[in-house]
Amino acid sequence: PQGITVHLRPDAARRAITNLVDNARRHASRVHLSVQPQGRVISVLVDDNGPGIPPDRRESVFKPFESGADDGTGLGLTIARDIARAHGGEIHLEHSPLGGLRARMRLPV
């Protein structure tokens, strides 16, 4: 959004967002990327229409080499969260309005 500045390393931010989008693309036929300013925080949202992840398993997929599928290494979400945290942010997984999973990366502005 215009007029909002987020201080981050561009290559790292690109890697985090790419990892979130690639993860969604691997599990869904439809992916939507959006940005929401919320006061002193900006949220990057990646929504998909895939099978999702049950709420009780969402935190475990952030562990290195833990994957919800057979075709991943289990590092993409771990790396994305590490990058978000290095910039004072966080990533949470939620139910998506598209029916699958929403990855919400929150970063301070």
PDB file of N, CA and C in Angstrom:
ATOM      1  N   PRO A   1       0.815  -1.198   0.000  1.00  0.00           N
ATOM      2  CA  PRO A   1       0.000   0.000   0.000  1.00  0.00           C
ATOM      3  C   PRO A   1       0.858   1.261   0.000  1.00  0.00           C
ATOM      4  N   GLN A   2       0.364   2.279  -0.602  1.00  0.00           N
ATOM      5  CA  GLN A   2       1.086   3.527  -0.728  1.00  0.00           C
ATOM      6  C   GLN A   2       1.242   4.206   0.625  1.00  0.00           C
ATOM      7  N   GLY A   3       2.432   4.769   0.867  1.00  0.00           N
ATOM      8  CA  GLY A   3       2.669   5.511   2.088  1.00  0.00           C
ATOM      9  C   GLY A   3       3.097   4.679   3.279  1.00  0.00           C
ATOM     10  N   ILE A   4       3.250   3.375   3.118  1.00  0.00           N
ATOM     11  CA  ILE A   4       3.678   2.501   4.213  1.00  0.00           C
ATOM     12  C   ILE A   4       5.080   2.006   3.902  1.00  0.00           C
ATOM     13  N   THR A   5       5.970   2.114   4.887  1.00  0.00           N
ATOM     14  CA  THR A   5       7.340   1.653   4.715  1.00  0.00           C
ATOM     15  C   THR A   5       7.595   0.491   5.663  1.00  0.00           C
ATOM     16  N   VAL A   6       8.113  -0.591   5.111  1.00  0.00           N
ATOM     17  CA  VAL A   6       8.512  -1.750   5.901  1.00  0.00           C
ATOM     18  C   VAL A   6      10.014  -1.900   5.714  1.00  0.00           C
ATOM     19  N   HIS A   7      10.758  -1.903   6.812  1.00  0.00           N
ATOM     20  CA  HIS A   7      12.208  -2.018   6.736  1.00  0.00           C
ATOM     21  C   HIS A   7      12.595  -3.493   6.796  1.00  0.00           C
ATOM     22  N   LEU A   8      13.117  -3.989   5.672  1.00  0.00           N
ATOM     23  CA  LEU A   8      13.517  -5.392   5.595  1.00  0.00           C
ATOM     24  C   LEU A   8      14.544  -5.574   4.493  1.00  0.00           C
ATOM     25  N   ARG A   9      15.181  -6.716   4.514  1.00  0.00           N
ATOM     26  CA  ARG A   9      16.128  -7.066   3.454  1.00  0.00           C
ATOM     27  C   ARG A   9      15.317  -7.601   2.282  1.00  0.00           C
ATOM     28  N   PRO A  10      15.389  -6.947   1.121  1.00  0.00           N
ATOM     29  CA  PRO A  10      14.540  -7.338  -0.014  1.00  0.00           C
ATOM     30  C   PRO A  10      14.684  -8.800  -0.427  1.00  0.00           C
ATOM     31  N   ASP A  11      15.916  -9.305  -0.487  1.00  0.00           N
ATOM     32  CA  ASP A  11      16.099 -10.705  -0.901  1.00  0.00           C
ATOM     33  C   ASP A  11      15.479 -11.667   0.107  1.00  0.00           C
ATOM     34  N   ALA A  12      15.612 -11.342   1.378  1.00  0.00           N
ATOM     35  CA  ALA A  12      15.037 -12.205   2.410  1.00  0.00           C
ATOM     36  C   ALA A  12      13.512 -12.177   2.346  1.00  0.00           C
ATOM     37  N   ALA A  13      12.940 -10.990   2.186  1.00  0.00           N
ATOM     38  CA  ALA A  13      11.481 -10.882   2.089  1.00  0.00           C
ATOM     39  C   ALA A  13      10.967 -11.629   0.871  1.00  0.00           C
ATOM     40  N   ARG A  14      11.675 -11.494  -0.241  1.00  0.00           N
ATOM     41  CA  ARG A  14      11.284 -12.213  -1.464  1.00  0.00           C
ATOM     42  C   ARG A  14      11.310 -13.721  -1.222  1.00  0.00           C
ATOM     43  N   ARG A  15      12.338 -14.203  -0.535  1.00  0.00           N
ATOM     44  CA  ARG A  15      12.459 -15.635  -0.243  1.00  0.00           C
ATOM     45  C   ARG A  15      11.303 -16.102   0.626  1.00  0.00           C
ATOM     46  N   ALA A  16      10.978 -15.342   1.661  1.00  0.00           N
ATOM     47  CA  ALA A  16       9.892 -15.736   2.562  1.00  0.00           C
ATOM     48  C   ALA A  16       8.563 -15.809   1.815  1.00  0.00           C
ATOM     49  N   ILE A  17       8.255 -14.783   1.036  1.00  0.00           N
ATOM     50  CA  ILE A  17       6.984 -14.765   0.303  1.00  0.00           C
ATOM     51  C   ILE A  17       6.959 -15.852  -0.757  1.00  0.00           C
ATOM     52  N   THR A  18       8.077 -16.046  -1.452  1.00  0.00           N
ATOM     53  CA  THR A  18       8.154 -17.113  -2.461  1.00  0.00           C
ATOM     54  C   THR A  18       7.930 -18.475  -1.821  1.00  0.00           C
ATOM     55  N   ASN A  19       8.519 -18.707  -0.660  1.00  0.00           N
ATOM     56  CA  ASN A  19       8.317 -19.987   0.026  1.00  0.00           C
ATOM     57  C   ASN A  19       6.849 -20.196   0.381  1.00  0.00           C
ATOM     58  N   LEU A  20       6.181 -19.152   0.850  1.00  0.00           N
ATOM     59  CA  LEU A  20       4.761 -19.276   1.196  1.00  0.00           C
ATOM     60  C   LEU A  20       3.910 -19.550  -0.040  1.00  0.00           C
ATOM     61  N   VAL A  21       4.179 -18.828  -1.127  1.00  0.00           N
ATOM     62  CA  VAL A  21       3.413 -19.023  -2.365  1.00  0.00           C
ATOM     63  C   VAL A  21       3.698 -20.397  -2.959  1.00  0.00           C
ATOM     64  N   ASP A  22       4.967 -20.803  -2.997  1.00  0.00           N
ATOM     65  CA  ASP A  22       5.309 -22.124  -3.540  1.00  0.00           C
ATOM     66  C   ASP A  22       4.636 -23.234  -2.745  1.00  0.00           C
ATOM     67  N   ASN A  23       4.596 -23.094  -1.438  1.00  0.00           N
ATOM     68  CA  ASN A  23       3.932 -24.087  -0.600  1.00  0.00           C
ATOM     69  C   ASN A  23       2.448 -24.170  -0.953  1.00  0.00           C
ATOM     70  N   ALA A  24       1.810 -23.034  -1.110  1.00  0.00           N
ATOM     71  CA  ALA A  24       0.387 -23.016  -1.473  1.00  0.00           C
ATOM     72  C   ALA A  24       0.171 -23.630  -2.855  1.00  0.00           C
ATOM     73  N   ARG A  25       1.011 -23.281  -3.811  1.00  0.00           N
ATOM     74  CA  ARG A  25       0.868 -23.799  -5.178  1.00  0.00           C
ATOM     75  C   ARG A  25       1.028 -25.317  -5.225  1.00  0.00           C
ATOM     76  N   ARG A  26       1.867 -25.842  -4.346  1.00  0.00           N
ATOM     77  CA  ARG A  26       2.115 -27.284  -4.328  1.00  0.00           C
ATOM     78  C   ARG A  26       0.879 -28.062  -3.868  1.00  0.00           C
ATOM     79  N   HIS A  27       0.010 -27.408  -3.108  1.00  0.00           N
ATOM     80  CA  HIS A  27      -1.119 -28.114  -2.501  1.00  0.00           C
ATOM     81  C   HIS A  27      -2.491 -27.660  -2.982  1.00  0.00           C
ATOM     82  N   ALA A  28      -2.541 -26.674  -3.875  1.00  0.00           N
ATOM     83  CA  ALA A  28      -3.839 -26.102  -4.254  1.00  0.00           C
ATOM     84  C   ALA A  28      -3.876 -25.745  -5.734  1.00  0.00           C
ATOM     85  N   SER A  29      -5.077 -25.590  -6.244  1.00  0.00           N
ATOM     86  CA  SER A  29      -5.245 -25.164  -7.637  1.00  0.00           C
ATOM     87  C   SER A  29      -5.452 -23.656  -7.736  1.00  0.00           C
ATOM     88  N   ARG A  30      -5.725 -23.015  -6.620  1.00  0.00           N
ATOM     89  CA  ARG A  30      -5.958 -21.571  -6.610  1.00  0.00           C
ATOM     90  C   ARG A  30      -5.202 -20.946  -5.436  1.00  0.00           C
ATOM     91  N   VAL A  31      -4.444 -19.877  -5.737  1.00  0.00           N
ATOM     92  CA  VAL A  31      -3.660 -19.175  -4.718  1.00  0.00           C
ATOM     93  C   VAL A  31      -3.908 -17.678  -4.874  1.00  0.00           C
ATOM     94  N   HIS A  32      -4.101 -16.996  -3.764  1.00  0.00           N
ATOM     95  CA  HIS A  32      -4.329 -15.550  -3.791  1.00  0.00           C
ATOM     96  C   HIS A  32      -3.363 -14.882  -2.817  1.00  0.00           C
ATOM     97  N   LEU A  33      -2.625 -13.884  -3.312  1.00  0.00           N
ATOM     98  CA  LEU A  33      -1.673 -13.126  -2.504  1.00  0.00           C
ATOM     99  C   LEU A  33      -2.231 -11.724  -2.296  1.00  0.00           C
ATOM    100  N   SER A  34      -2.246 -11.253  -1.053  1.00  0.00           N
ATOM    101  CA  SER A  34      -2.739  -9.903  -0.771  1.00  0.00           C
ATOM    102  C   SER A  34      -1.954  -9.296   0.387  1.00  0.00           C
ATOM    103  N   VAL A  35      -2.092  -7.987   0.538  1.00  0.00           N
ATOM    104  CA  VAL A  35      -1.424  -7.249   1.606  1.00  0.00           C
ATOM    105  C   VAL A  35      -2.476  -6.433   2.343  1.00  0.00           C
ATOM    106  N   GLN A  36      -2.421  -6.473   3.683  1.00  0.00           N
ATOM    107  CA  GLN A  36      -3.373  -5.732   4.526  1.00  0.00           C
ATOM    108  C   GLN A  36      -2.617  -4.882   5.538  1.00  0.00           C
ATOM    109  N   PRO A  37      -2.719  -3.561   5.450  1.00  0.00           N
ATOM    110  CA  PRO A  37      -2.154  -2.737   6.523  1.00  0.00           C
ATOM    111  C   PRO A  37      -3.096  -2.770   7.727  1.00  0.00           C
ATOM    112  N   GLN A  38      -2.510  -2.879   8.918  1.00  0.00           N
ATOM    113  CA  GLN A  38      -3.304  -2.940  10.152  1.00  0.00           C
ATOM    114  C   GLN A  38      -2.568  -2.151  11.233  1.00  0.00           C
ATOM    115  N   GLY A  39      -2.742  -0.846  11.236  1.00  0.00           N
ATOM    116  CA  GLY A  39      -2.051  -0.015  12.217  1.00  0.00           C
ATOM    117  C   GLY A  39      -0.558  -0.024  11.991  1.00  0.00           C
ATOM    118  N   ARG A  40       0.193  -0.463  12.992  1.00  0.00           N
ATOM    119  CA  ARG A  40       1.660  -0.491  12.923  1.00  0.00           C
ATOM    120  C   ARG A  40       2.194  -1.813  12.384  1.00  0.00           C
ATOM    121  N   VAL A  41       1.319  -2.598  11.775  1.00  0.00           N
ATOM    122  CA  VAL A  41       1.693  -3.908  11.229  1.00  0.00           C
ATOM    123  C   VAL A  41       1.134  -4.016   9.817  1.00  0.00           C
ATOM    124  N   ILE A  42       1.881  -4.702   8.966  1.00  0.00           N
ATOM    125  CA  ILE A  42       1.370  -5.033   7.640  1.00  0.00           C
ATOM    126  C   ILE A  42       1.332  -6.555   7.544  1.00  0.00           C
ATOM    127  N   SER A  43       0.244  -7.079   7.018  1.00  0.00           N
ATOM    128  CA  SER A  43       0.112  -8.529   6.848  1.00  0.00           C
ATOM    129  C   SER A  43       0.184  -8.877   5.375  1.00  0.00           C
ATOM    130  N   VAL A  44       1.040  -9.839   5.063  1.00  0.00           N
ATOM    131  CA  VAL A  44       1.082 -10.435   3.733  1.00  0.00           C
ATOM    132  C   VAL A  44       0.320 -11.747   3.858  1.00  0.00           C
ATOM    133  N   LEU A  45      -0.759 -11.886   3.083  1.00  0.00           N
ATOM    134  CA  LEU A  45      -1.624 -13.059   3.176  1.00  0.00           C
ATOM    135  C   LEU A  45      -1.480 -13.915   1.932  1.00  0.00           C
ATOM    136  N   VAL A  46      -1.272 -15.204   2.131  1.00  0.00           N
ATOM    137  CA  VAL A  46      -1.262 -16.167   1.035  1.00  0.00           C
ATOM    138  C   VAL A  46      -2.376 -17.159   1.329  1.00  0.00           C
ATOM    139  N   ASP A  47      -3.437 -17.091   0.524  1.00  0.00           N
ATOM    140  CA  ASP A  47      -4.602 -17.963   0.689  1.00  0.00           C
ATOM    141  C   ASP A  47      -4.628 -19.003  -0.413  1.00  0.00           C
ATOM    142  N   ASP A  48      -5.107 -20.205  -0.082  1.00  0.00           N
ATOM    143  CA  ASP A  48      -5.261 -21.230  -1.115  1.00  0.00           C
ATOM    144  C   ASP A  48      -6.531 -22.042  -0.884  1.00  0.00           C
ATOM    145  N   ASN A  49      -6.870 -22.836  -1.893  1.00  0.00           N
ATOM    146  CA  ASN A  49      -8.073 -23.676  -1.812  1.00  0.00           C
ATOM    147  C   ASN A  49      -7.716 -25.155  -1.662  1.00  0.00           C
ATOM    148  N   GLY A  50      -6.522 -25.432  -1.167  1.00  0.00           N
ATOM    149  CA  GLY A  50      -6.086 -26.816  -0.994  1.00  0.00           C
ATOM    150  C   GLY A  50      -6.742 -27.485   0.200  1.00  0.00           C
ATOM    151  N   PRO A  51      -6.197 -28.633   0.609  1.00  0.00           N
ATOM    152  CA  PRO A  51      -6.798 -29.388   1.708  1.00  0.00           C
ATOM    153  C   PRO A  51      -6.590 -28.755   3.084  1.00  0.00           C
ATOM    154  N   GLY A  52      -5.678 -27.795   3.179  1.00  0.00           N
ATOM    155  CA  GLY A  52      -5.424 -27.156   4.465  1.00  0.00           C
ATOM    156  C   GLY A  52      -4.616 -28.042   5.397  1.00  0.00           C
ATOM    157  N   ILE A  53      -4.433 -27.573   6.596  1.00  0.00           N
ATOM    158  CA  ILE A  53      -3.726 -28.308   7.644  1.00  0.00           C
ATOM    159  C   ILE A  53      -4.596 -28.225   8.888  1.00  0.00           C
ATOM    160  N   PRO A  54      -4.877 -29.351   9.533  1.00  0.00           N
ATOM    161  CA  PRO A  54      -5.690 -29.306  10.752  1.00  0.00           C
ATOM    162  C   PRO A  54      -5.053 -28.376  11.791  1.00  0.00           C
ATOM    163  N   PRO A  55      -5.869 -27.653  12.547  1.00  0.00           N
ATOM    164  CA  PRO A  55      -5.333 -26.704  13.526  1.00  0.00           C
ATOM    165  C   PRO A  55      -4.293 -27.303  14.474  1.00  0.00           C
ATOM    166  N   ASP A  56      -4.464 -28.543  14.883  1.00  0.00           N
ATOM    167  CA  ASP A  56      -3.523 -29.149  15.827  1.00  0.00           C
ATOM    168  C   ASP A  56      -2.185 -29.522  15.189  1.00  0.00           C
ATOM    169  N   ARG A  57      -2.067 -29.436  13.860  1.00  0.00           N
ATOM    170  CA  ARG A  57      -0.803 -29.744  13.169  1.00  0.00           C
ATOM    171  C   ARG A  57      -0.116 -28.503  12.606  1.00  0.00           C
ATOM    172  N   ARG A  58      -0.752 -27.361  12.688  1.00  0.00           N
ATOM    173  CA  ARG A  58      -0.221 -26.157  12.028  1.00  0.00           C
ATOM    174  C   ARG A  58       1.123 -25.725  12.583  1.00  0.00           C
ATOM    175  N   GLU A  59       1.316 -25.810  13.859  1.00  0.00           N
ATOM    176  CA  GLU A  59       2.590 -25.381  14.429  1.00  0.00           C
ATOM    177  C   GLU A  59       3.715 -26.357  14.079  1.00  0.00           C
ATOM    178  N   SER A  60       3.398 -27.636  13.961  1.00  0.00           N
ATOM    179  CA  SER A  60       4.442 -28.638  13.701  1.00  0.00           C
ATOM    180  C   SER A  60       5.074 -28.496  12.322  1.00  0.00           C
ATOM    181  N   VAL A  61       4.360 -27.927  11.336  1.00  0.00           N
ATOM    182  CA  VAL A  61       4.943 -27.807   9.996  1.00  0.00           C
ATOM    183  C   VAL A  61       6.030 -26.741   9.931  1.00  0.00           C
ATOM    184  N   PHE A  62       6.212 -25.972  10.990  1.00  0.00           N
ATOM    185  CA  PHE A  62       7.304 -25.004  11.043  1.00  0.00           C
ATOM    186  C   PHE A  62       8.599 -25.626  11.555  1.00  0.00           C
ATOM    187  N   LYS A  63       8.545 -26.866  12.024  1.00  0.00           N
ATOM    188  CA  LYS A  63       9.751 -27.548  12.481  1.00  0.00           C
ATOM    189  C   LYS A  63      10.559 -27.988  11.264  1.00  0.00           C
ATOM    190  N   PRO A  64      11.889 -27.842  11.318  1.00  0.00           N
ATOM    191  CA  PRO A  64      12.711 -28.258  10.173  1.00  0.00           C
ATOM    192  C   PRO A  64      12.471 -29.722   9.809  1.00  0.00           C
ATOM    193  N   PHE A  65      12.364 -29.963   8.523  1.00  0.00           N
ATOM    194  CA  PHE A  65      12.181 -31.290   7.921  1.00  0.00           C
ATOM    195  C   PHE A  65      10.827 -31.914   8.235  1.00  0.00           C
ATOM    196  N   GLU A  66       9.931 -31.134   8.792  1.00  0.00           N
ATOM    197  CA  GLU A  66       8.559 -31.592   9.041  1.00  0.00           C
ATOM    198  C   GLU A  66       7.711 -31.085   7.885  1.00  0.00           C
ATOM    199  N   SER A  67       7.090 -31.996   7.167  1.00  0.00           N
ATOM    200  CA  SER A  67       6.295 -31.597   6.009  1.00  0.00           C
ATOM    201  C   SER A  67       4.936 -32.254   6.089  1.00  0.00           C
ATOM    202  N   GLY A  68       3.937 -31.554   5.596  1.00  0.00           N
ATOM    203  CA  GLY A  68       2.598 -32.115   5.573  1.00  0.00           C
ATOM    204  C   GLY A  68       2.347 -32.972   4.351  1.00  0.00           C
ATOM    205  N   ALA A  69       3.352 -33.103   3.470  1.00  0.00           N
ATOM    206  CA  ALA A  69       3.187 -33.868   2.230  1.00  0.00           C
ATOM    207  C   ALA A  69       4.484 -34.579   1.892  1.00  0.00           C
ATOM    208  N   ASP A  70       4.394 -35.488   0.925  1.00  0.00           N
ATOM    209  CA  ASP A  70       5.559 -36.268   0.530  1.00  0.00           C
ATOM    210  C   ASP A  70       6.484 -35.529  -0.428  1.00  0.00           C
ATOM    211  N   ASP A  71       6.012 -34.440  -1.044  1.00  0.00           N
ATOM    212  CA  ASP A  71       6.798 -33.789  -2.087  1.00  0.00           C
ATOM    213  C   ASP A  71       7.575 -32.567  -1.611  1.00  0.00           C
ATOM    214  N   GLY A  72       7.704 -32.364  -0.324  1.00  0.00           N
ATOM    215  CA  GLY A  72       8.432 -31.206   0.183  1.00  0.00           C
ATOM    216  C   GLY A  72       9.570 -31.625   1.090  1.00  0.00           C
ATOM    217  N   THR A  73      10.509 -30.690   1.308  1.00  0.00           N
ATOM    218  CA  THR A  73      11.640 -30.980   2.189  1.00  0.00           C
ATOM    219  C   THR A  73      11.334 -30.643   3.636  1.00  0.00           C
ATOM    220  N   GLY A  74      10.300 -29.843   3.862  1.00  0.00           N
ATOM    221  CA  GLY A  74       9.979 -29.441   5.215  1.00  0.00           C
ATOM    222  C   GLY A  74      10.808 -28.269   5.698  1.00  0.00           C
ATOM    223  N   LEU A  75      11.378 -27.495   4.762  1.00  0.00           N
ATOM    224  CA  LEU A  75      12.182 -26.341   5.152  1.00  0.00           C
ATOM    225  C   LEU A  75      11.570 -25.004   4.751  1.00  0.00           C
ATOM    226  N   GLY A  76      10.693 -24.989   3.767  1.00  0.00           N
ATOM    227  CA  GLY A  76      10.155 -23.735   3.237  1.00  0.00           C
ATOM    228  C   GLY A  76       9.463 -22.876   4.276  1.00  0.00           C
ATOM    229  N   LEU A  77       8.565 -23.462   5.050  1.00  0.00           N
ATOM    230  CA  LEU A  77       7.852 -22.694   6.071  1.00  0.00           C
ATOM    231  C   LEU A  77       8.774 -22.318   7.228  1.00  0.00           C
ATOM    232  N   THR A  78       9.722 -23.196   7.545  1.00  0.00           N
ATOM    233  CA  THR A  78      10.696 -22.900   8.595  1.00  0.00           C
ATOM    234  C   THR A  78      11.522 -21.681   8.219  1.00  0.00           C
ATOM    235  N   ILE A  79      12.021 -21.667   6.987  1.00  0.00           N
ATOM    236  CA  ILE A  79      12.828 -20.541   6.508  1.00  0.00           C
ATOM    237  C   ILE A  79      11.995 -19.268   6.476  1.00  0.00           C
ATOM    238  N   ALA A  80      10.768 -19.359   5.967  1.00  0.00           N
ATOM    239  CA  ALA A  80       9.901 -18.179   5.895  1.00  0.00           C
ATOM    240  C   ALA A  80       9.668 -17.596   7.286  1.00  0.00           C
ATOM    241  N   ARG A  81       9.391 -18.445   8.269  1.00  0.00           N
ATOM    242  CA  ARG A  81       9.153 -17.948   9.629  1.00  0.00           C
ATOM    243  C   ARG A  81      10.425 -17.353  10.221  1.00  0.00           C
ATOM    244  N   ASP A  82      11.564 -17.987   9.987  1.00  0.00           N
ATOM    245  CA  ASP A  82      12.827 -17.441  10.493  1.00  0.00           C
ATOM    246  C   ASP A  82      13.086 -16.047   9.926  1.00  0.00           C
ATOM    247  N   ILE A  83      12.803 -15.860   8.640  1.00  0.00           N
ATOM    248  CA  ILE A  83      12.987 -14.549   8.008  1.00  0.00           C
ATOM    249  C   ILE A  83      12.031 -13.531   8.622  1.00  0.00           C
ATOM    250  N   ALA A  84      10.770 -13.900   8.772  1.00  0.00           N
ATOM    251  CA  ALA A  84       9.801 -12.977   9.378  1.00  0.00           C
ATOM    252  C   ALA A  84      10.248 -12.579  10.780  1.00  0.00           C
ATOM    253  N   ARG A  85      10.689 -13.528  11.568  1.00  0.00           N
ATOM    254  CA  ARG A  85      11.118 -13.238  12.936  1.00  0.00           C
ATOM    255  C   ARG A  85      12.366 -12.360  12.958  1.00  0.00           C
ATOM    256  N   ALA A  86      13.279 -12.573  12.004  1.00  0.00           N
ATOM    257  CA  ALA A  86      14.487 -11.749  11.924  1.00  0.00           C
ATOM    258  C   ALA A  86      14.149 -10.286  11.638  1.00  0.00           C
ATOM    259  N   HIS A  87      12.970 -10.046  11.081  1.00  0.00           N
ATOM    260  CA  HIS A  87      12.517  -8.687  10.784  1.00  0.00           C
ATOM    261  C   HIS A  87      11.496  -8.187  11.810  1.00  0.00           C
ATOM    262  N   GLY A  88      11.402  -8.862  12.950  1.00  0.00           N
ATOM    263  CA  GLY A  88      10.484  -8.446  14.004  1.00  0.00           C
ATOM    264  C   GLY A  88       9.051  -8.878  13.777  1.00  0.00           C
ATOM    265  N   GLY A  89       8.848  -9.824  12.858  1.00  0.00           N
ATOM    266  CA  GLY A  89       7.504 -10.272  12.513  1.00  0.00           C
ATOM    267  C   GLY A  89       7.237 -11.701  12.918  1.00  0.00           C
ATOM    268  N   GLU A  90       6.206 -12.271  12.312  1.00  0.00           N
ATOM    269  CA  GLU A  90       5.775 -13.634  12.636  1.00  0.00           C
ATOM    270  C   GLU A  90       4.946 -14.183  11.487  1.00  0.00           C
ATOM    271  N   ILE A  91       4.845 -15.488  11.409  1.00  0.00           N
ATOM    272  CA  ILE A  91       3.955 -16.154  10.455  1.00  0.00           C
ATOM    273  C   ILE A  91       3.047 -17.091  11.233  1.00  0.00           C
ATOM    274  N   HIS A  92       1.759 -17.011  10.925  1.00  0.00           N
ATOM    275  CA  HIS A  92       0.760 -17.905  11.509  1.00  0.00           C
ATOM    276  C   HIS A  92      -0.028 -18.550  10.384  1.00  0.00           C
ATOM    277  N   LEU A  93      -0.503 -19.749  10.621  1.00  0.00           N
ATOM    278  CA  LEU A  93      -1.352 -20.453   9.666  1.00  0.00           C
ATOM    279  C   LEU A  93      -2.776 -20.460  10.193  1.00  0.00           C
ATOM    280  N   GLU A  94      -3.726 -20.206   9.281  1.00  0.00           N
ATOM    281  CA  GLU A  94      -5.139 -20.096   9.647  1.00  0.00           C
ATOM    282  C   GLU A  94      -5.974 -20.763   8.563  1.00  0.00           C
ATOM    283  N   HIS A  95      -7.251 -20.882   8.824  1.00  0.00           N
ATOM    284  CA  HIS A  95      -8.187 -21.331   7.794  1.00  0.00           C
ATOM    285  C   HIS A  95      -8.361 -20.203   6.783  1.00  0.00           C
ATOM    286  N   SER A  96      -8.349 -20.539   5.503  1.00  0.00           N
ATOM    287  CA  SER A  96      -8.503 -19.543   4.443  1.00  0.00           C
ATOM    288  C   SER A  96      -9.956 -19.399   4.012  1.00  0.00           C
ATOM    289  N   PRO A  97     -10.376 -18.193   3.642  1.00  0.00           N
ATOM    290  CA  PRO A  97     -11.712 -18.017   3.069  1.00  0.00           C
ATOM    291  C   PRO A  97     -11.888 -18.788   1.758  1.00  0.00           C
ATOM    292  N   LEU A  98     -10.784 -19.186   1.125  1.00  0.00           N
ATOM    293  CA  LEU A  98     -10.863 -19.989  -0.099  1.00  0.00           C
ATOM    294  C   LEU A  98     -11.121 -21.459   0.211  1.00  0.00           C
ATOM    295  N   GLY A  99     -11.096 -21.821   1.489  1.00  0.00           N
ATOM    296  CA  GLY A  99     -11.383 -23.192   1.889  1.00  0.00           C
ATOM    297  C   GLY A  99     -10.175 -23.996   2.300  1.00  0.00           C
ATOM    298  N   GLY A 100      -8.985 -23.504   2.001  1.00  0.00           N
ATOM    299  CA  GLY A 100      -7.760 -24.214   2.345  1.00  0.00           C
ATOM    300  C   GLY A 100      -7.039 -23.550   3.504  1.00  0.00           C
ATOM    301  N   LEU A 101      -5.801 -23.165   3.233  1.00  0.00           N
ATOM    302  CA  LEU A 101      -4.937 -22.610   4.272  1.00  0.00           C
ATOM    303  C   LEU A 101      -4.618 -21.152   3.971  1.00  0.00           C
ATOM    304  N   ARG A 102      -4.483 -20.368   5.018  1.00  0.00           N
ATOM    305  CA  ARG A 102      -3.985 -18.998   4.907  1.00  0.00           C
ATOM    306  C   ARG A 102      -2.688 -18.920   5.701  1.00  0.00           C
ATOM    307  N   ALA A 103      -1.631 -18.443   5.048  1.00  0.00           N
ATOM    308  CA  ALA A 103      -0.393 -18.107   5.737  1.00  0.00           C
ATOM    309  C   ALA A 103      -0.395 -16.593   5.897  1.00  0.00           C
ATOM    310  N   ARG A 104      -0.303 -16.131   7.131  1.00  0.00           N
ATOM    311  CA  ARG A 104      -0.314 -14.689   7.425  1.00  0.00           C
ATOM    312  C   ARG A 104       1.066 -14.306   7.959  1.00  0.00           C
ATOM    313  N   MET A 105       1.804 -13.535   7.164  1.00  0.00           N
ATOM    314  CA  MET A 105       3.092 -13.014   7.610  1.00  0.00           C
ATOM    315  C   MET A 105       2.875 -11.573   8.060  1.00  0.00           C
ATOM    316  N   ARG A 106       3.094 -11.326   9.347  1.00  0.00           N
ATOM    317  CA  ARG A 106       2.906  -9.986   9.920  1.00  0.00           C
ATOM    318  C   ARG A 106       4.276  -9.355  10.134  1.00  0.00           C
ATOM    319  N   LEU A 107       4.420  -8.115   9.647  1.00  0.00           N
ATOM    320  CA  LEU A 107       5.680  -7.391   9.771  1.00  0.00           C
ATOM    321  C   LEU A 107       5.409  -5.995  10.321  1.00  0.00           C
ATOM    322  N   PRO A 108       6.285  -5.506  11.205  1.00  0.00           N
ATOM    323  CA  PRO A 108       6.099  -4.150  11.729  1.00  0.00           C
ATOM    324  C   PRO A 108       6.420  -3.103  10.661  1.00  0.00           C
ATOM    325  N   VAL A 109       5.707  -1.978  10.721  1.00  0.00           N
ATOM    326  CA  VAL A 109       5.973  -0.871   9.789  1.00  0.00           C
ATOM    327  C   VAL A 109       6.607   0.281  10.541  1.00  0.00           C
TER     328      VAL A 109
END
